[in-house]
Amino acid sequence: MAARLFAEHGYDEVSIADIAGAAGVSEPTVYNYFPTKPDLVFDRADEVLEKIRGAISGRDSRQSPADAMRALVLEDIDRYVEDDEGLAKGEFPAQCRLSAPLRRRALEFYDDVTTAVAAELAGTGPNAMSERAYAAALVSVVQQTTASIGDAVLSDAHRGDTRERLDGAATATLDHLSTWWHREYAS
């Protein structure tokens, strides 16, 4: 319900009262499930964080973190292609491109993910700064993929062309980060 309202009117223009009314529930009921308005857009944040953390922690010791994250990034691209076009403009990638408060919240989220990935990489690099820098590079691939999806949704870009472009860009970037890992960390 919220995604449809955000798609039609934009996140910043929709109130919790609007969402409650459209859903046929009271405002307190909405707040019981979503303590803050941004939580309506960041409803998958914990799941995404845990998937990324799990991919890094569950990888084979010879596998680079970039290779471990590859499937998650490509799944996000596939999800975009398969999403309901009517709802896509109201979801995280698009709304974070349109709303400054959501963009700030997204940056905080990506910093939290970077911290979690760096913790999983602790002891694998020459120092903590290097590990965090590598973690930030990995998370940046997720961030840039998501931003590109948002831009594509908002511009009504052809989904097949966008998938091909994003698959290629994400794969090339993750290949580069994997090569860097094997050269700098795995030796």
N, C-alpha and C. Protein backbone atom coordinates (compact mmCIF):
# COMPACT_ATOMS: atom_id res chain seq x y z
N MET A 1 0.82 -1.19 0.00
CA MET A 1 0.00 0.00 0.00
C MET A 1 0.87 1.26 0.00
N ALA A 2 1.86 1.29 0.91
CA ALA A 2 2.73 2.48 1.00
C ALA A 2 3.50 2.68 -0.30
N ALA A 3 4.02 1.60 -0.87
CA ALA A 3 4.81 1.73 -2.10
C ALA A 3 3.96 2.32 -3.23
N ARG A 4 2.71 1.91 -3.30
CA ARG A 4 1.83 2.45 -4.35
C ARG A 4 1.60 3.95 -4.13
N LEU A 5 1.38 4.36 -2.89
CA LEU A 5 1.20 5.79 -2.60
C LEU A 5 2.48 6.57 -2.88
N PHE A 6 3.62 6.00 -2.50
CA PHE A 6 4.90 6.68 -2.77
C PHE A 6 5.12 6.81 -4.27
N ALA A 7 4.75 5.77 -5.02
CA ALA A 7 4.91 5.82 -6.48
C ALA A 7 4.03 6.91 -7.09
N GLU A 8 2.83 7.05 -6.57
CA GLU A 8 1.89 8.02 -7.13
C GLU A 8 2.19 9.46 -6.71
N HIS A 9 2.62 9.64 -5.45
CA HIS A 9 2.73 11.00 -4.90
C HIS A 9 4.13 11.38 -4.44
N GLY A 10 5.01 10.40 -4.28
CA GLY A 10 6.34 10.65 -3.74
C GLY A 10 6.36 10.49 -2.23
N TYR A 11 7.44 9.96 -1.73
CA TYR A 11 7.60 9.70 -0.30
C TYR A 11 7.34 10.94 0.55
N ASP A 12 7.93 12.05 0.17
CA ASP A 12 7.85 13.26 0.98
C ASP A 12 6.43 13.83 1.06
N GLU A 13 5.58 13.48 0.11
CA GLU A 13 4.22 14.03 0.07
C GLU A 13 3.18 13.13 0.74
N VAL A 14 3.58 11.93 1.13
CA VAL A 14 2.64 10.97 1.72
C VAL A 14 2.85 10.93 3.23
N SER A 15 1.76 11.02 3.97
CA SER A 15 1.84 10.96 5.43
C SER A 15 1.46 9.57 5.93
N ILE A 16 1.78 9.31 7.18
CA ILE A 16 1.36 8.06 7.80
C ILE A 16 -0.17 7.99 7.81
N ALA A 17 -0.82 9.11 8.02
CA ALA A 17 -2.29 9.14 7.99
C ALA A 17 -2.82 8.71 6.62
N ASP A 18 -2.14 9.15 5.55
CA ASP A 18 -2.54 8.73 4.20
C ASP A 18 -2.42 7.22 4.04
N ILE A 19 -1.32 6.68 4.53
CA ILE A 19 -1.08 5.23 4.41
C ILE A 19 -2.10 4.46 5.23
N ALA A 20 -2.34 4.91 6.46
CA ALA A 20 -3.33 4.25 7.32
C ALA A 20 -4.71 4.28 6.66
N GLY A 21 -5.09 5.43 6.13
CA GLY A 21 -6.39 5.54 5.48
C GLY A 21 -6.52 4.62 4.29
N ALA A 22 -5.48 4.55 3.47
CA ALA A 22 -5.52 3.69 2.28
C ALA A 22 -5.57 2.21 2.67
N ALA A 23 -4.94 1.88 3.79
CA ALA A 23 -4.92 0.49 4.25
C ALA A 23 -6.14 0.13 5.09
N GLY A 24 -6.91 1.15 5.47
CA GLY A 24 -8.09 0.89 6.28
C GLY A 24 -7.76 0.54 7.72
N VAL A 25 -6.67 1.10 8.23
CA VAL A 25 -6.26 0.86 9.62
C VAL A 25 -5.98 2.21 10.28
N SER A 26 -5.76 2.18 11.57
CA SER A 26 -5.45 3.41 12.29
C SER A 26 -3.96 3.74 12.17
N GLU A 27 -3.62 5.01 12.42
CA GLU A 27 -2.20 5.40 12.41
C GLU A 27 -1.40 4.60 13.43
N PRO A 28 -1.91 4.42 14.68
CA PRO A 28 -1.13 3.61 15.63
C PRO A 28 -0.84 2.19 15.12
N THR A 29 -1.76 1.64 14.35
CA THR A 29 -1.52 0.30 13.79
C THR A 29 -0.33 0.33 12.84
N VAL A 30 -0.26 1.35 11.98
CA VAL A 30 0.89 1.48 11.08
C VAL A 30 2.17 1.59 11.90
N TYR A 31 2.14 2.44 12.94
CA TYR A 31 3.34 2.63 13.77
C TYR A 31 3.72 1.37 14.54
N ASN A 32 2.75 0.49 14.83
CA ASN A 32 3.09 -0.77 15.49
C ASN A 32 4.00 -1.63 14.61
N TYR A 33 3.80 -1.56 13.32
CA TYR A 33 4.59 -2.36 12.38
C TYR A 33 5.79 -1.60 11.84
N PHE A 34 5.67 -0.29 11.72
CA PHE A 34 6.72 0.56 11.17
C PHE A 34 6.90 1.76 12.09
N PRO A 35 7.83 1.67 13.05
CA PRO A 35 7.98 2.72 14.06
C PRO A 35 8.24 4.12 13.50
N THR A 36 8.86 4.19 12.33
CA THR A 36 9.11 5.49 11.70
C THR A 36 8.70 5.41 10.24
N LYS A 37 8.42 6.54 9.65
CA LYS A 37 8.02 6.56 8.24
C LYS A 37 9.10 5.96 7.33
N PRO A 38 10.39 6.27 7.53
CA PRO A 38 11.40 5.64 6.66
C PRO A 38 11.40 4.11 6.73
N ASP A 39 10.95 3.55 7.86
CA ASP A 39 10.91 2.09 7.97
C ASP A 39 10.00 1.46 6.92
N LEU A 40 9.06 2.23 6.40
CA LEU A 40 8.19 1.73 5.33
C LEU A 40 8.98 1.48 4.04
N VAL A 41 10.05 2.23 3.85
CA VAL A 41 10.89 2.08 2.66
C VAL A 41 12.06 1.14 2.96
N PHE A 42 12.53 1.16 4.19
CA PHE A 42 13.69 0.34 4.58
C PHE A 42 13.24 -0.96 5.23
N ASP A 43 12.11 -1.48 4.81
CA ASP A 43 11.54 -2.67 5.43
C ASP A 43 12.39 -3.92 5.24
N ARG A 44 13.25 -3.93 4.25
CA ARG A 44 14.12 -5.09 4.00
C ARG A 44 15.56 -4.86 4.45
N ALA A 45 15.83 -3.75 5.12
CA ALA A 45 17.21 -3.39 5.46
C ALA A 45 17.90 -4.47 6.29
N ASP A 46 17.25 -4.96 7.33
CA ASP A 46 17.87 -5.98 8.17
C ASP A 46 18.15 -7.25 7.37
N GLU A 47 17.20 -7.63 6.53
CA GLU A 47 17.37 -8.82 5.69
C GLU A 47 18.56 -8.65 4.74
N VAL A 48 18.67 -7.49 4.12
CA VAL A 48 19.77 -7.23 3.19
C VAL A 48 21.10 -7.27 3.93
N LEU A 49 21.16 -6.61 5.08
CA LEU A 49 22.39 -6.62 5.88
C LEU A 49 22.80 -8.04 6.23
N GLU A 50 21.86 -8.85 6.67
CA GLU A 50 22.18 -10.23 7.06
C GLU A 50 22.58 -11.08 5.86
N LYS A 51 21.96 -10.87 4.72
CA LYS A 51 22.35 -11.61 3.51
C LYS A 51 23.79 -11.29 3.12
N ILE A 52 24.14 -10.01 3.18
CA ILE A 52 25.51 -9.61 2.82
C ILE A 52 26.49 -10.16 3.84
N ARG A 53 26.18 -10.00 5.12
CA ARG A 53 27.05 -10.54 6.18
C ARG A 53 27.21 -12.05 6.01
N GLY A 54 26.11 -12.73 5.74
CA GLY A 54 26.16 -14.18 5.57
C GLY A 54 26.99 -14.60 4.36
N ALA A 55 26.88 -13.85 3.28
CA ALA A 55 27.68 -14.17 2.09
C ALA A 55 29.17 -14.05 2.39
N ILE A 56 29.55 -13.03 3.14
CA ILE A 56 30.96 -12.82 3.47
C ILE A 56 31.43 -13.86 4.48
N SER A 57 30.66 -14.07 5.54
CA SER A 57 31.11 -15.00 6.59
C SER A 57 31.05 -16.45 6.14
N GLY A 58 30.14 -16.78 5.22
CA GLY A 58 29.98 -18.16 4.80
C GLY A 58 30.82 -18.58 3.60
N ARG A 59 31.65 -17.67 3.13
CA ARG A 59 32.42 -17.99 1.93
C ARG A 59 33.58 -18.94 2.26
N ASP A 60 33.98 -19.67 1.25
CA ASP A 60 35.17 -20.51 1.33
C ASP A 60 36.38 -19.60 1.51
N SER A 61 37.35 -20.03 2.26
CA SER A 61 38.51 -19.17 2.57
C SER A 61 39.29 -18.74 1.32
N ARG A 62 39.18 -19.49 0.25
CA ARG A 62 39.89 -19.11 -0.99
C ARG A 62 39.05 -18.19 -1.88
N GLN A 63 37.79 -18.04 -1.53
CA GLN A 63 36.89 -17.20 -2.33
C GLN A 63 37.01 -15.75 -1.87
N SER A 64 37.11 -14.86 -2.81
CA SER A 64 37.16 -13.44 -2.45
C SER A 64 35.79 -12.99 -1.96
N PRO A 65 35.75 -11.99 -1.09
CA PRO A 65 34.46 -11.44 -0.68
C PRO A 65 33.65 -10.93 -1.87
N ALA A 66 34.31 -10.39 -2.87
CA ALA A 66 33.60 -9.90 -4.06
C ALA A 66 32.89 -11.04 -4.77
N ASP A 67 33.56 -12.18 -4.89
CA ASP A 67 32.91 -13.33 -5.52
C ASP A 67 31.76 -13.85 -4.66
N ALA A 68 31.92 -13.75 -3.33
CA ALA A 68 30.86 -14.18 -2.43
C ALA A 68 29.62 -13.30 -2.55
N MET A 69 29.81 -12.03 -2.86
CA MET A 69 28.68 -11.09 -2.97
C MET A 69 28.06 -11.04 -4.37
N ARG A 70 28.74 -11.61 -5.32
CA ARG A 70 28.30 -11.52 -6.72
C ARG A 70 26.84 -11.96 -6.90
N ALA A 71 26.48 -13.10 -6.37
CA ALA A 71 25.12 -13.61 -6.56
C ALA A 71 24.08 -12.65 -5.98
N LEU A 72 24.38 -12.04 -4.84
CA LEU A 72 23.43 -11.10 -4.23
C LEU A 72 23.20 -9.88 -5.11
N VAL A 73 24.28 -9.35 -5.66
CA VAL A 73 24.17 -8.16 -6.51
C VAL A 73 23.37 -8.50 -7.77
N LEU A 74 23.68 -9.62 -8.39
CA LEU A 74 22.97 -10.01 -9.61
C LEU A 74 21.51 -10.33 -9.32
N GLU A 75 21.22 -10.89 -8.13
CA GLU A 75 19.82 -11.14 -7.74
C GLU A 75 19.05 -9.83 -7.61
N ASP A 76 19.70 -8.79 -7.07
CA ASP A 76 19.03 -7.49 -6.96
C ASP A 76 18.66 -6.95 -8.34
N ILE A 77 19.56 -7.13 -9.29
CA ILE A 77 19.27 -6.67 -10.65
C ILE A 77 18.10 -7.47 -11.22
N ASP A 78 18.12 -8.78 -11.02
CA ASP A 78 17.01 -9.62 -11.51
C ASP A 78 15.69 -9.23 -10.85
N ARG A 79 15.72 -8.94 -9.54
CA ARG A 79 14.51 -8.55 -8.82
C ARG A 79 13.91 -7.29 -9.45
N TYR A 80 14.77 -6.35 -9.80
CA TYR A 80 14.30 -5.11 -10.44
C TYR A 80 13.58 -5.43 -11.75
N VAL A 81 14.15 -6.32 -12.55
CA VAL A 81 13.56 -6.64 -13.85
C VAL A 81 12.20 -7.32 -13.67
N GLU A 82 12.07 -8.09 -12.61
CA GLU A 82 10.84 -8.86 -12.39
C GLU A 82 9.80 -8.11 -11.56
N ASP A 83 10.18 -7.00 -10.91
CA ASP A 83 9.27 -6.24 -10.06
C ASP A 83 8.08 -5.67 -10.82
N ASP A 84 7.01 -5.47 -10.10
CA ASP A 84 5.83 -4.80 -10.62
C ASP A 84 6.21 -3.37 -10.98
N GLU A 85 6.06 -3.02 -12.24
CA GLU A 85 6.47 -1.68 -12.70
C GLU A 85 5.72 -0.58 -11.98
N GLY A 86 4.47 -0.83 -11.64
CA GLY A 86 3.68 0.18 -10.94
C GLY A 86 4.17 0.45 -9.54
N LEU A 87 4.69 -0.58 -8.88
CA LEU A 87 5.19 -0.40 -7.52
C LEU A 87 6.64 0.05 -7.48
N ALA A 88 7.40 -0.25 -8.51
CA ALA A 88 8.85 0.01 -8.50
C ALA A 88 9.17 1.48 -8.21
N LYS A 89 8.36 2.39 -8.69
CA LYS A 89 8.63 3.82 -8.45
C LYS A 89 8.40 4.20 -6.99
N GLY A 90 7.73 3.36 -6.23
CA GLY A 90 7.50 3.63 -4.82
C GLY A 90 8.42 2.89 -3.88
N GLU A 91 9.33 2.12 -4.44
CA GLU A 91 10.21 1.30 -3.60
C GLU A 91 11.57 1.96 -3.39
N PHE A 92 12.36 1.32 -2.54
CA PHE A 92 13.64 1.85 -2.08
C PHE A 92 14.52 2.47 -3.16
N PRO A 93 14.85 1.76 -4.24
CA PRO A 93 15.80 2.36 -5.20
C PRO A 93 15.33 3.68 -5.78
N ALA A 94 14.07 3.75 -6.17
CA ALA A 94 13.56 4.98 -6.79
C ALA A 94 13.34 6.08 -5.76
N GLN A 95 12.72 5.74 -4.65
CA GLN A 95 12.41 6.78 -3.66
C GLN A 95 13.66 7.37 -3.03
N CYS A 96 14.72 6.58 -2.91
CA CYS A 96 15.98 7.12 -2.38
C CYS A 96 16.63 8.10 -3.35
N ARG A 97 16.30 8.03 -4.60
CA ARG A 97 16.81 8.99 -5.59
C ARG A 97 16.01 10.29 -5.52
N LEU A 98 14.76 10.22 -5.07
CA LEU A 98 13.87 11.38 -5.08
C LEU A 98 13.82 12.15 -3.77
N SER A 99 14.08 11.48 -2.67
CA SER A 99 13.88 12.08 -1.35
C SER A 99 15.20 12.26 -0.62
N ALA A 100 15.52 13.50 -0.28
CA ALA A 100 16.77 13.77 0.46
C ALA A 100 16.80 13.07 1.82
N PRO A 101 15.71 13.06 2.61
CA PRO A 101 15.76 12.33 3.88
C PRO A 101 16.03 10.83 3.70
N LEU A 102 15.43 10.24 2.67
CA LEU A 102 15.69 8.81 2.42
C LEU A 102 17.11 8.58 1.94
N ARG A 103 17.63 9.49 1.15
CA ARG A 103 19.01 9.37 0.68
C ARG A 103 19.97 9.41 1.87
N ARG A 104 19.72 10.30 2.82
CA ARG A 104 20.57 10.35 4.02
C ARG A 104 20.45 9.05 4.81
N ARG A 105 19.24 8.55 4.95
CA ARG A 105 19.05 7.30 5.68
C ARG A 105 19.74 6.15 4.96
N ALA A 106 19.71 6.16 3.64
CA ALA A 106 20.39 5.13 2.86
C ALA A 106 21.89 5.18 3.10
N LEU A 107 22.46 6.37 3.17
CA LEU A 107 23.90 6.49 3.44
C LEU A 107 24.25 5.93 4.81
N GLU A 108 23.40 6.17 5.80
CA GLU A 108 23.61 5.57 7.12
C GLU A 108 23.54 4.05 7.04
N PHE A 109 22.58 3.55 6.29
CA PHE A 109 22.44 2.11 6.12
C PHE A 109 23.69 1.51 5.46
N TYR A 110 24.15 2.13 4.39
CA TYR A 110 25.34 1.61 3.71
C TYR A 110 26.57 1.68 4.62
N ASP A 111 26.65 2.68 5.48
CA ASP A 111 27.75 2.74 6.44
C ASP A 111 27.64 1.59 7.45
N ASP A 112 26.43 1.28 7.89
CA ASP A 112 26.23 0.13 8.78
C ASP A 112 26.63 -1.17 8.09
N VAL A 113 26.28 -1.31 6.83
CA VAL A 113 26.64 -2.52 6.09
C VAL A 113 28.16 -2.59 5.94
N THR A 114 28.79 -1.46 5.65
CA THR A 114 30.26 -1.43 5.53
C THR A 114 30.90 -1.85 6.84
N THR A 115 30.39 -1.37 7.96
CA THR A 115 30.92 -1.75 9.27
C THR A 115 30.77 -3.26 9.49
N ALA A 116 29.62 -3.82 9.12
CA ALA A 116 29.40 -5.26 9.28
C ALA A 116 30.33 -6.07 8.39
N VAL A 117 30.51 -5.64 7.15
CA VAL A 117 31.41 -6.36 6.24
C VAL A 117 32.85 -6.25 6.74
N ALA A 118 33.25 -5.07 7.18
CA ALA A 118 34.61 -4.89 7.71
C ALA A 118 34.84 -5.79 8.91
N ALA A 119 33.83 -5.95 9.75
CA ALA A 119 33.96 -6.85 10.91
C ALA A 119 34.17 -8.29 10.46
N GLU A 120 33.47 -8.68 9.39
CA GLU A 120 33.65 -10.04 8.86
C GLU A 120 35.04 -10.22 8.25
N LEU A 121 35.63 -9.14 7.77
CA LEU A 121 36.95 -9.21 7.14
C LEU A 121 38.09 -9.00 8.14
N ALA A 122 37.75 -8.75 9.39
CA ALA A 122 38.78 -8.45 10.40
C ALA A 122 39.85 -9.53 10.43
N GLY A 123 41.09 -9.08 10.39
CA GLY A 123 42.23 -9.99 10.45
C GLY A 123 42.65 -10.55 9.11
N THR A 124 41.98 -10.18 8.05
CA THR A 124 42.32 -10.73 6.73
C THR A 124 43.24 -9.82 5.94
N GLY A 125 43.32 -8.56 6.32
CA GLY A 125 44.13 -7.59 5.58
C GLY A 125 45.30 -7.10 6.42
N PRO A 126 46.08 -6.19 5.85
CA PRO A 126 47.25 -5.69 6.56
C PRO A 126 46.90 -4.84 7.77
N ASN A 127 45.71 -4.21 7.77
CA ASN A 127 45.29 -3.40 8.92
C ASN A 127 43.79 -3.12 8.81
N ALA A 128 43.23 -2.56 9.88
CA ALA A 128 41.79 -2.32 9.93
C ALA A 128 41.34 -1.32 8.87
N MET A 129 42.16 -0.32 8.58
CA MET A 129 41.77 0.66 7.57
C MET A 129 41.67 0.02 6.19
N SER A 130 42.60 -0.84 5.89
CA SER A 130 42.58 -1.52 4.60
C SER A 130 41.35 -2.43 4.49
N GLU A 131 41.04 -3.12 5.57
CA GLU A 131 39.87 -4.00 5.56
C GLU A 131 38.58 -3.18 5.38
N ARG A 132 38.50 -2.05 6.06
CA ARG A 132 37.30 -1.21 5.92
C ARG A 132 37.22 -0.61 4.52
N ALA A 133 38.37 -0.24 3.95
CA ALA A 133 38.36 0.31 2.59
C ALA A 133 37.86 -0.74 1.60
N TYR A 134 38.30 -1.99 1.77
CA TYR A 134 37.83 -3.04 0.88
C TYR A 134 36.33 -3.27 1.09
N ALA A 135 35.91 -3.28 2.36
CA ALA A 135 34.48 -3.44 2.66
C ALA A 135 33.67 -2.31 2.02
N ALA A 136 34.18 -1.09 2.10
CA ALA A 136 33.47 0.06 1.51
C ALA A 136 33.37 -0.09 -0.01
N ALA A 137 34.42 -0.61 -0.62
CA ALA A 137 34.38 -0.82 -2.07
C ALA A 137 33.31 -1.85 -2.43
N LEU A 138 33.23 -2.93 -1.65
CA LEU A 138 32.20 -3.94 -1.90
C LEU A 138 30.79 -3.36 -1.76
N VAL A 139 30.59 -2.65 -0.66
CA VAL A 139 29.26 -2.08 -0.41
C VAL A 139 28.93 -1.03 -1.45
N SER A 140 29.93 -0.35 -1.95
CA SER A 140 29.70 0.65 -2.99
C SER A 140 29.12 0.01 -4.26
N VAL A 141 29.50 -1.21 -4.54
CA VAL A 141 28.92 -1.91 -5.70
C VAL A 141 27.41 -2.08 -5.49
N VAL A 142 27.03 -2.48 -4.28
CA VAL A 142 25.60 -2.62 -3.96
C VAL A 142 24.92 -1.26 -4.07
N GLN A 143 25.54 -0.24 -3.48
CA GLN A 143 24.97 1.10 -3.48
C GLN A 143 24.80 1.65 -4.90
N GLN A 144 25.82 1.51 -5.71
CA GLN A 144 25.75 2.05 -7.07
C GLN A 144 24.78 1.25 -7.94
N THR A 145 24.69 -0.05 -7.71
CA THR A 145 23.71 -0.86 -8.43
C THR A 145 22.30 -0.41 -8.08
N THR A 146 22.06 -0.22 -6.78
CA THR A 146 20.74 0.22 -6.33
C THR A 146 20.40 1.60 -6.88
N ALA A 147 21.36 2.52 -6.86
CA ALA A 147 21.13 3.87 -7.40
C ALA A 147 20.82 3.80 -8.90
N SER A 148 21.54 2.95 -9.60
CA SER A 148 21.30 2.80 -11.04
C SER A 148 19.93 2.21 -11.32
N ILE A 149 19.51 1.27 -10.47
CA ILE A 149 18.16 0.71 -10.61
C ILE A 149 17.13 1.82 -10.39
N GLY A 150 17.34 2.61 -9.35
CA GLY A 150 16.42 3.72 -9.09
C GLY A 150 16.32 4.68 -10.26
N ASP A 151 17.48 5.03 -10.82
CA ASP A 151 17.48 5.93 -11.99
C ASP A 151 16.74 5.30 -13.17
N ALA A 152 16.96 4.00 -13.38
CA ALA A 152 16.31 3.31 -14.50
C ALA A 152 14.80 3.27 -14.30
N VAL A 153 14.37 3.00 -13.08
CA VAL A 153 12.93 2.97 -12.79
C VAL A 153 12.31 4.34 -13.06
N LEU A 154 12.96 5.38 -12.57
CA LEU A 154 12.40 6.73 -12.70
C LEU A 154 12.38 7.23 -14.14
N SER A 155 13.32 6.75 -14.94
CA SER A 155 13.37 7.19 -16.34
C SER A 155 12.61 6.24 -17.28
N ASP A 156 11.98 5.22 -16.70
CA ASP A 156 11.25 4.22 -17.49
C ASP A 156 12.14 3.57 -18.53
N ALA A 157 13.39 3.33 -18.15
CA ALA A 157 14.35 2.68 -19.05
C ALA A 157 13.89 1.25 -19.37
N HIS A 158 14.27 0.78 -20.52
CA HIS A 158 13.96 -0.58 -20.94
C HIS A 158 14.63 -1.54 -19.95
N ARG A 159 13.87 -2.41 -19.37
CA ARG A 159 14.40 -3.28 -18.31
C ARG A 159 15.45 -4.27 -18.81
N GLY A 160 15.25 -4.81 -19.97
CA GLY A 160 16.24 -5.75 -20.51
C GLY A 160 17.57 -5.08 -20.77
N ASP A 161 17.53 -3.89 -21.37
CA ASP A 161 18.77 -3.15 -21.62
C ASP A 161 19.44 -2.77 -20.31
N THR A 162 18.63 -2.36 -19.34
CA THR A 162 19.19 -1.98 -18.04
C THR A 162 19.83 -3.17 -17.36
N ARG A 163 19.15 -4.33 -17.42
CA ARG A 163 19.72 -5.53 -16.81
C ARG A 163 21.08 -5.85 -17.43
N GLU A 164 21.14 -5.81 -18.75
CA GLU A 164 22.40 -6.11 -19.43
C GLU A 164 23.50 -5.14 -19.02
N ARG A 165 23.18 -3.86 -18.99
CA ARG A 165 24.16 -2.84 -18.63
C ARG A 165 24.62 -3.01 -17.18
N LEU A 166 23.66 -3.20 -16.26
CA LEU A 166 24.03 -3.34 -14.85
C LEU A 166 24.75 -4.64 -14.57
N ASP A 167 24.29 -5.74 -15.19
CA ASP A 167 25.01 -7.02 -15.03
C ASP A 167 26.47 -6.86 -15.45
N GLY A 168 26.68 -6.23 -16.60
CA GLY A 168 28.05 -6.04 -17.09
C GLY A 168 28.88 -5.16 -16.18
N ALA A 169 28.31 -4.05 -15.74
CA ALA A 169 29.06 -3.13 -14.87
C ALA A 169 29.35 -3.75 -13.52
N ALA A 170 28.36 -4.39 -12.91
CA ALA A 170 28.57 -5.01 -11.60
C ALA A 170 29.57 -6.16 -11.70
N THR A 171 29.44 -6.98 -12.73
CA THR A 171 30.36 -8.10 -12.90
C THR A 171 31.79 -7.61 -13.09
N ALA A 172 31.99 -6.61 -13.93
CA ALA A 172 33.34 -6.08 -14.16
C ALA A 172 33.93 -5.49 -12.89
N THR A 173 33.12 -4.78 -12.12
CA THR A 173 33.61 -4.17 -10.89
C THR A 173 33.93 -5.24 -9.86
N LEU A 174 33.07 -6.23 -9.71
CA LEU A 174 33.34 -7.31 -8.76
C LEU A 174 34.54 -8.14 -9.20
N ASP A 175 34.71 -8.34 -10.50
CA ASP A 175 35.91 -9.03 -11.00
C ASP A 175 37.17 -8.26 -10.58
N HIS A 176 37.13 -6.95 -10.74
CA HIS A 176 38.27 -6.12 -10.37
C HIS A 176 38.55 -6.23 -8.86
N LEU A 177 37.51 -6.16 -8.04
CA LEU A 177 37.69 -6.27 -6.59
C LEU A 177 38.17 -7.66 -6.19
N SER A 178 37.73 -8.67 -6.92
CA SER A 178 38.20 -10.03 -6.64
C SER A 178 39.68 -10.17 -6.97
N THR A 179 40.08 -9.63 -8.11
CA THR A 179 41.50 -9.66 -8.49
C THR A 179 42.34 -8.93 -7.46
N TRP A 180 41.86 -7.77 -7.04
CA TRP A 180 42.56 -6.98 -6.02
C TRP A 180 42.71 -7.78 -4.74
N TRP A 181 41.63 -8.46 -4.32
CA TRP A 181 41.66 -9.26 -3.09
C TRP A 181 42.71 -10.35 -3.19
N HIS A 182 42.68 -11.09 -4.28
CA HIS A 182 43.63 -12.20 -4.43
C HIS A 182 45.07 -11.70 -4.50
N ARG A 183 45.28 -10.55 -5.08
CA ARG A 183 46.62 -9.99 -5.18
C ARG A 183 47.09 -9.43 -3.84
N GLU A 184 46.24 -8.71 -3.14
CA GLU A 184 46.65 -7.99 -1.94
C GLU A 184 46.43 -8.76 -0.64
N TYR A 185 45.40 -9.58 -0.59
CA TYR A 185 45.02 -10.18 0.68
C TYR A 185 45.31 -11.67 0.78
N ALA A 186 45.15 -12.37 -0.29
CA ALA A 186 45.22 -13.82 -0.24
C ALA A 186 46.63 -14.36 -0.34
N SER A 187 47.59 -13.49 -0.50
CA SER A 187 48.96 -13.99 -0.67
C SER A 187 49.64 -14.28 0.65
